[in-house]
Structures are given as C-alpha cells and as structure tokens.
Amino acid sequence: MSKSDSSLTSEIVDNFVAPECQARVEILYQDDDILLINKPSGLLSLSGKNLLNWDSVHHRLVNGQSATLTERETPAFVDAKLPHRLDLGTSGVMVVGLNCAASKSLNKQFQARAVQKRYLAILAGWVEADSGQISAPIAKDKALFPRVKICHSTGKSAISDYEVISRLDNPPRTLVQYRPITGRTHQLRIHSLEFGHPILGCDLYNSSQLNNSLEANGISQRLMLHASDIYFTHPATGEPIHGHSPNPF
C-alpha cells in the first residue's frame, strides 16, 4: 500500500447508524451443528464498531430473541459463528455454525467456493438478454467508503451469472436470478449497475432520481435483493444440504 493509500484509509470514518429493525431472525432448520436462518432486510449480519450498531444477526443468535405477541422466544446459541454475511438491506437464507468443528468446515467450503448461492433481485428497466454473465473486477473505492468500484487495474476478479425470471411494467423492471461465481463485497449491486440495470432500492449505487421514482410509484424502498437458496455439504454428516427462503417481493 502506498503512503497516500495508507493515509486515505486512516481518514475513513464510518458514522453510519443502522435504523432499528423490528423484524425477527427466523430459524428455518436446526440440528446440533448448523442453523439455517432467514435474515430480514434492515438487520446487520455482525454488530458494528459503532456501539449504536449493536443489534445484528450474530448478536440475536448468541443472546437469543425475546418472545413477542406473535413469535416465541428463540434460544441463545452461544457458540454461533457466521461463515458468510449478507448486507444490511439484503434478506434471505444464511447458514450458521453452532460449534468450532462445524464453523471450520463451513469456512473451508466458502473459501474453496464449494458453496453455491442463488439470489433474486429486481432491476431497473428491462434486461434484454434472457440470460448472461457479468465479468468485471471489483476494488474498494477509498474515496467513497463503503462503496466499491469496477477497476480493471487493481480490482479482484468477479463473475455473476444471471437469468431473467420475468419482466414487469409500470415502471419497467426485471426480476432476475443471480448466481454469483465469486463473492466480492457488493458484487451483485455493482455488477447490476455495470450492465445498466441497478438493483431497485439500493441506497449506495442508485441515483436519487431513480429512488424518488420508485417512491412515486408506490414501490418498496427496501433493497430488492434476496438470498433465496444455498447449497453446501453438512459439516458433520457429509450430506448435501439445500437451504431455501421464499421470495419476499
């Protein structure tokens, strides 16, 4: 890292405070080694450095969730570890390790790209091709933290396959299924923007004009990105596991 990069990095200050999330973490599957959970949009995966960002998927799993009028209390999984994360605005299925051996196995699977993931996203405009691949390297954008950027000189390889599910009207939108081959930060967001169809509800990469038009048309302002499916090998039994979370939009 150059001196200028180092000084720039040291100047980065993250003052973001996540809004309160009332939605709960749903447990989809549980055994002695793993959980499959459904993360709500608007909840951090891990608690932030800012003390105000204490609420997160991990915090709720380790400490348990209190009962409500409509939901039962969930137990505390004190050794829970997250081998992967979803962005604040992204909802959907996540796998959780409940002990050291399971977490280590899951981490190795993610590092080896042996875990397959599927996402659903609603994009601005009509995507012309019924399927395709976006290949564009991604680098951190130090001047616009926490954004990333497409950079062919310093970026890391990033590949996303997509398939059109349906094309919607008023305004023109496209529901696609994404299959990321790599797992870079904000990969699907920046790749969607790169090929001219940003994900609706994105606060980092959409223009204010686009977000305002969504509000005017009564379309939800949440990030329209959902982790629908995950495929991996059970860390204890070796059996193939498929986790699924239904499309919320």
Protein backbone atom coordinates (compact mmCIF):
# COMPACT_ATOMS: atom_id res chain seq x y z
CA MET A 1 0.00 0.00 0.00
CA SER A 2 1.35 3.42 -0.92
CA LYS A 3 1.72 6.21 1.61
CA SER A 4 -1.20 8.08 0.04
CA ASP A 5 -3.42 4.97 0.21
CA SER A 6 -2.45 4.42 3.85
CA SER A 7 -3.26 7.98 4.87
CA LEU A 8 -6.52 7.87 2.93
CA THR A 9 -7.56 4.65 4.64
CA SER A 10 -6.78 6.10 8.07
CA GLU A 11 -9.06 9.04 7.31
CA ILE A 12 -12.08 6.80 6.65
CA VAL A 13 -14.70 7.31 9.36
CA ASP A 14 -17.88 5.27 9.39
CA ASN A 15 -20.61 7.32 11.06
CA PHE A 16 -23.47 5.18 9.76
CA VAL A 17 -26.06 4.10 12.32
CA ALA A 18 -28.46 1.38 11.22
CA PRO A 19 -32.18 2.07 11.75
CA GLU A 20 -33.93 -0.13 14.29
CA CYS A 21 -35.05 -3.45 12.81
CA GLN A 22 -38.29 -4.83 14.25
CA ALA A 23 -38.35 -7.94 12.05
CA ARG A 24 -37.02 -11.14 13.64
CA VAL A 25 -34.45 -13.68 12.58
CA GLU A 26 -36.39 -16.80 11.58
CA ILE A 27 -34.92 -20.25 12.21
CA LEU A 28 -35.62 -22.41 9.16
CA TYR A 29 -33.69 -25.53 10.24
CA GLN A 30 -31.75 -26.61 13.33
CA ASP A 31 -29.59 -29.55 14.36
CA ASP A 32 -26.57 -30.00 16.65
CA ASP A 33 -24.13 -28.47 14.17
CA ILE A 34 -25.84 -25.87 12.00
CA LEU A 35 -28.73 -23.49 11.67
CA LEU A 36 -30.40 -22.29 8.52
CA ILE A 37 -31.91 -18.88 9.19
CA ASN A 38 -33.87 -16.25 7.32
CA LYS A 39 -32.32 -12.80 7.77
CA PRO A 40 -34.69 -9.83 7.50
CA SER A 41 -33.85 -6.82 5.37
CA GLY A 42 -32.57 -3.96 7.53
CA LEU A 43 -30.56 -6.03 10.02
CA LEU A 44 -26.76 -6.15 10.18
CA SER A 45 -25.14 -9.58 9.97
CA LEU A 46 -22.49 -8.62 12.55
CA SER A 47 -22.54 -5.86 15.15
CA GLY A 48 -20.63 -2.78 14.02
CA LYS A 49 -17.69 -0.94 15.55
CA ASN A 50 -20.05 1.93 16.31
CA LEU A 51 -21.62 0.99 19.67
CA LEU A 52 -25.01 2.10 18.40
CA ASN A 53 -24.88 -0.71 15.84
CA TRP A 54 -25.04 -3.48 18.44
CA ASP A 55 -28.11 -5.22 17.02
CA SER A 56 -27.28 -7.89 14.44
CA VAL A 57 -27.97 -11.43 13.34
CA HIS A 58 -24.98 -12.65 15.36
CA HIS A 59 -25.99 -10.73 18.49
CA ARG A 60 -29.51 -12.12 18.36
CA LEU A 61 -28.30 -15.68 17.85
CA VAL A 62 -25.75 -15.58 20.66
CA ASN A 63 -28.14 -13.88 23.10
CA GLY A 64 -31.50 -15.22 21.92
CA GLN A 65 -34.58 -13.29 20.86
CA SER A 66 -37.31 -12.38 23.32
CA ALA A 67 -40.87 -13.55 22.81
CA THR A 68 -43.42 -11.22 21.22
CA LEU A 69 -47.20 -11.31 20.93
CA THR A 70 -46.92 -13.36 17.75
CA GLU A 71 -43.48 -15.02 17.97
CA ARG A 72 -41.98 -17.41 20.51
CA GLU A 73 -38.66 -16.84 22.25
CA THR A 74 -35.64 -18.23 20.42
CA PRO A 75 -32.79 -19.88 22.38
CA ALA A 76 -29.28 -18.50 22.77
CA PHE A 77 -26.68 -20.23 20.58
CA VAL A 78 -23.61 -19.06 22.47
CA ASP A 79 -21.05 -20.56 20.07
CA ALA A 80 -22.78 -19.44 16.86
CA LYS A 81 -20.48 -18.29 14.05
CA LEU A 82 -21.37 -16.78 10.66
CA PRO A 83 -19.25 -18.26 7.85
CA HIS A 84 -20.74 -15.71 5.47
CA ARG A 85 -22.67 -12.46 5.71
CA LEU A 86 -25.44 -10.61 3.94
CA ASP A 87 -25.54 -6.83 3.54
CA LEU A 88 -27.81 -4.77 5.79
CA GLY A 89 -30.51 -4.40 3.14
CA THR A 90 -30.30 -7.95 1.79
CA SER A 91 -32.71 -10.52 3.16
CA GLY A 92 -32.65 -14.29 2.93
CA VAL A 93 -31.12 -17.59 3.87
CA MET A 94 -27.86 -17.91 5.81
CA VAL A 95 -26.06 -20.93 7.26
CA VAL A 96 -24.72 -20.71 10.82
CA GLY A 97 -22.10 -22.93 12.51
CA LEU A 98 -23.01 -23.96 16.06
CA ASN A 99 -19.65 -25.37 17.16
CA CYS A 100 -15.97 -24.97 16.27
CA ALA A 101 -15.76 -28.04 14.03
CA ALA A 102 -18.87 -27.14 12.05
CA SER A 103 -17.81 -23.49 11.64
CA LYS A 104 -14.33 -24.55 10.48
CA SER A 105 -15.80 -26.91 7.88
CA LEU A 106 -18.21 -24.28 6.59
CA ASN A 107 -15.44 -21.68 6.37
CA LYS A 108 -13.36 -24.08 4.28
CA GLN A 109 -16.29 -24.71 1.95
CA PHE A 110 -16.80 -20.99 1.38
CA GLN A 111 -13.08 -20.40 0.83
CA ALA A 112 -12.98 -23.24 -1.71
CA ARG A 113 -16.06 -21.84 -3.48
CA ALA A 114 -17.82 -25.13 -2.82
CA VAL A 115 -20.94 -23.33 -1.58
CA GLN A 116 -23.45 -22.34 -4.25
CA LYS A 117 -25.76 -19.39 -3.69
CA ARG A 118 -28.77 -18.04 -5.56
CA TYR A 119 -30.20 -14.55 -5.24
CA LEU A 120 -33.35 -12.88 -6.53
CA ALA A 121 -33.19 -9.21 -7.49
CA ILE A 122 -35.47 -6.68 -9.12
CA LEU A 123 -33.53 -4.49 -11.53
CA ALA A 124 -34.40 -1.13 -13.08
CA GLY A 125 -35.54 -1.39 -16.71
CA TRP A 126 -35.97 -4.41 -18.93
CA VAL A 127 -32.93 -6.65 -19.25
CA GLU A 128 -32.70 -7.54 -22.94
CA ALA A 129 -30.99 -10.95 -22.83
CA ASP A 130 -32.77 -13.85 -21.12
CA SER A 131 -29.51 -14.93 -19.50
CA GLY A 132 -25.89 -13.91 -19.40
CA GLN A 133 -22.74 -13.37 -17.40
CA ILE A 134 -21.23 -10.19 -15.96
CA SER A 135 -17.46 -10.32 -15.53
CA ALA A 136 -15.93 -7.15 -14.10
CA PRO A 137 -13.18 -6.83 -11.45
CA ILE A 138 -14.06 -5.09 -8.19
CA ALA A 139 -11.92 -2.85 -5.98
CA LYS A 140 -12.61 -0.80 -2.86
CA ASP A 141 -13.48 2.82 -3.54
CA LYS A 142 -11.49 4.52 -0.77
CA ALA A 143 -12.79 7.94 -1.72
CA LEU A 144 -16.43 6.86 -1.36
CA PHE A 145 -16.40 4.36 1.54
CA PRO A 146 -18.18 1.91 1.85
CA ARG A 147 -18.75 1.75 -1.91
CA VAL A 148 -16.77 -0.41 -4.30
CA LYS A 149 -15.97 0.23 -7.95
CA ILE A 150 -15.15 -1.57 -11.18
CA CYS A 151 -11.38 -1.33 -11.68
CA HIS A 152 -9.52 -3.33 -14.33
CA SER A 153 -6.10 -2.41 -12.96
CA THR A 154 -6.41 -3.12 -9.22
CA GLY A 155 -9.73 -4.96 -8.90
CA LYS A 156 -10.19 -8.62 -7.99
CA SER A 157 -11.90 -10.97 -10.43
CA ALA A 158 -15.69 -11.01 -10.01
CA ILE A 159 -18.20 -13.03 -12.03
CA SER A 160 -22.01 -13.14 -11.79
CA ASP A 161 -24.35 -15.28 -13.91
CA TYR A 162 -27.96 -14.18 -14.29
CA GLU A 163 -31.24 -15.46 -15.68
CA VAL A 164 -34.37 -13.39 -16.29
CA ILE A 165 -37.41 -14.68 -14.39
CA SER A 166 -39.94 -12.06 -15.53
CA ARG A 167 -40.20 -8.55 -16.96
CA LEU A 168 -42.55 -6.17 -15.16
CA ASP A 169 -44.36 -2.97 -16.17
CA ASN A 170 -45.15 0.42 -14.64
CA PRO A 171 -42.29 1.16 -14.30
CA PRO A 172 -40.21 -1.26 -16.40
CA ARG A 173 -38.43 -3.71 -14.07
CA THR A 174 -36.85 -7.14 -14.38
CA LEU A 175 -36.87 -9.94 -11.83
CA VAL A 176 -33.66 -11.94 -12.22
CA GLN A 177 -31.99 -14.85 -10.51
CA TYR A 178 -28.30 -14.24 -9.84
CA ARG A 179 -25.73 -16.99 -9.40
CA PRO A 180 -22.51 -15.36 -8.17
CA ILE A 181 -19.41 -17.36 -9.07
CA THR A 182 -17.24 -15.21 -6.79
CA GLY A 183 -18.21 -13.49 -3.53
CA ARG A 184 -16.92 -9.93 -3.55
CA THR A 185 -18.34 -7.15 -1.38
CA HIS A 186 -21.38 -5.56 -3.07
CA GLN A 187 -20.73 -7.76 -6.12
CA LEU A 188 -24.33 -8.04 -7.31
CA ARG A 189 -25.02 -4.35 -6.67
CA ILE A 190 -22.03 -3.07 -8.64
CA HIS A 191 -22.41 -5.67 -11.42
CA SER A 192 -26.08 -4.71 -11.85
CA LEU A 193 -25.05 -1.07 -12.15
CA GLU A 194 -22.23 -2.00 -14.54
CA PHE A 195 -24.55 -3.52 -17.10
CA GLY A 196 -27.05 -0.70 -16.86
CA HIS A 197 -29.76 -2.16 -14.59
CA PRO A 198 -29.17 -1.19 -10.93
CA ILE A 199 -30.95 -3.11 -8.19
CA LEU A 200 -34.02 -1.21 -7.04
CA GLY A 201 -33.91 0.25 -3.54
CA CYS A 202 -30.10 0.41 -3.46
CA ASP A 203 -29.00 3.39 -1.38
CA LEU A 204 -25.35 3.22 -2.45
CA TYR A 205 -25.38 2.84 -6.22
CA ASN A 206 -28.74 4.25 -7.38
CA SER A 207 -29.41 7.84 -8.33
CA SER A 208 -31.75 9.84 -6.11
CA GLN A 209 -33.94 10.34 -9.21
CA LEU A 210 -34.44 6.58 -9.57
CA ASN A 211 -35.19 6.12 -5.87
CA ASN A 212 -37.66 9.03 -5.95
CA SER A 213 -39.44 7.50 -8.93
CA LEU A 214 -39.87 4.24 -7.02
CA GLU A 215 -41.47 6.09 -4.12
CA ALA A 216 -43.78 7.94 -6.52
CA ASN A 217 -44.92 4.60 -7.97
CA GLY A 218 -45.56 3.08 -4.54
CA ILE A 219 -42.71 0.56 -4.83
CA SER A 220 -40.96 -0.57 -1.65
CA GLN A 221 -37.81 1.33 -0.75
CA ARG A 222 -36.04 -1.74 0.64
CA LEU A 223 -33.11 -3.19 -1.27
CA MET A 224 -34.68 -5.60 -3.77
CA LEU A 225 -32.07 -8.31 -3.22
CA HIS A 226 -32.87 -11.62 -1.56
CA ALA A 227 -30.71 -14.67 -0.87
CA SER A 228 -33.16 -17.37 -1.91
CA ASP A 229 -31.06 -20.55 -1.94
CA ILE A 230 -27.83 -22.00 -0.59
CA TYR A 231 -26.24 -25.38 -1.36
CA PHE A 232 -23.43 -26.87 0.75
CA THR A 233 -22.23 -30.06 2.44
CA HIS A 234 -23.31 -30.73 6.00
CA PRO A 235 -20.15 -30.37 8.14
CA ALA A 236 -20.88 -33.45 10.27
CA THR A 237 -22.82 -35.88 8.08
CA GLY A 238 -21.35 -35.04 4.66
CA GLU A 239 -24.86 -34.94 3.20
CA PRO A 240 -25.77 -32.29 0.60
CA ILE A 241 -27.90 -29.51 2.11
CA HIS A 242 -30.21 -27.10 0.28
CA GLY A 243 -31.48 -24.11 2.24
CA HIS A 244 -34.34 -22.06 0.76
CA SER A 245 -36.06 -18.81 1.69
CA PRO A 246 -39.19 -17.81 -0.31
CA ASN A 247 -39.15 -14.60 -2.32
CA PRO A 248 -40.49 -11.73 -0.15
CA PHE A 249 -41.12 -9.45 -3.13
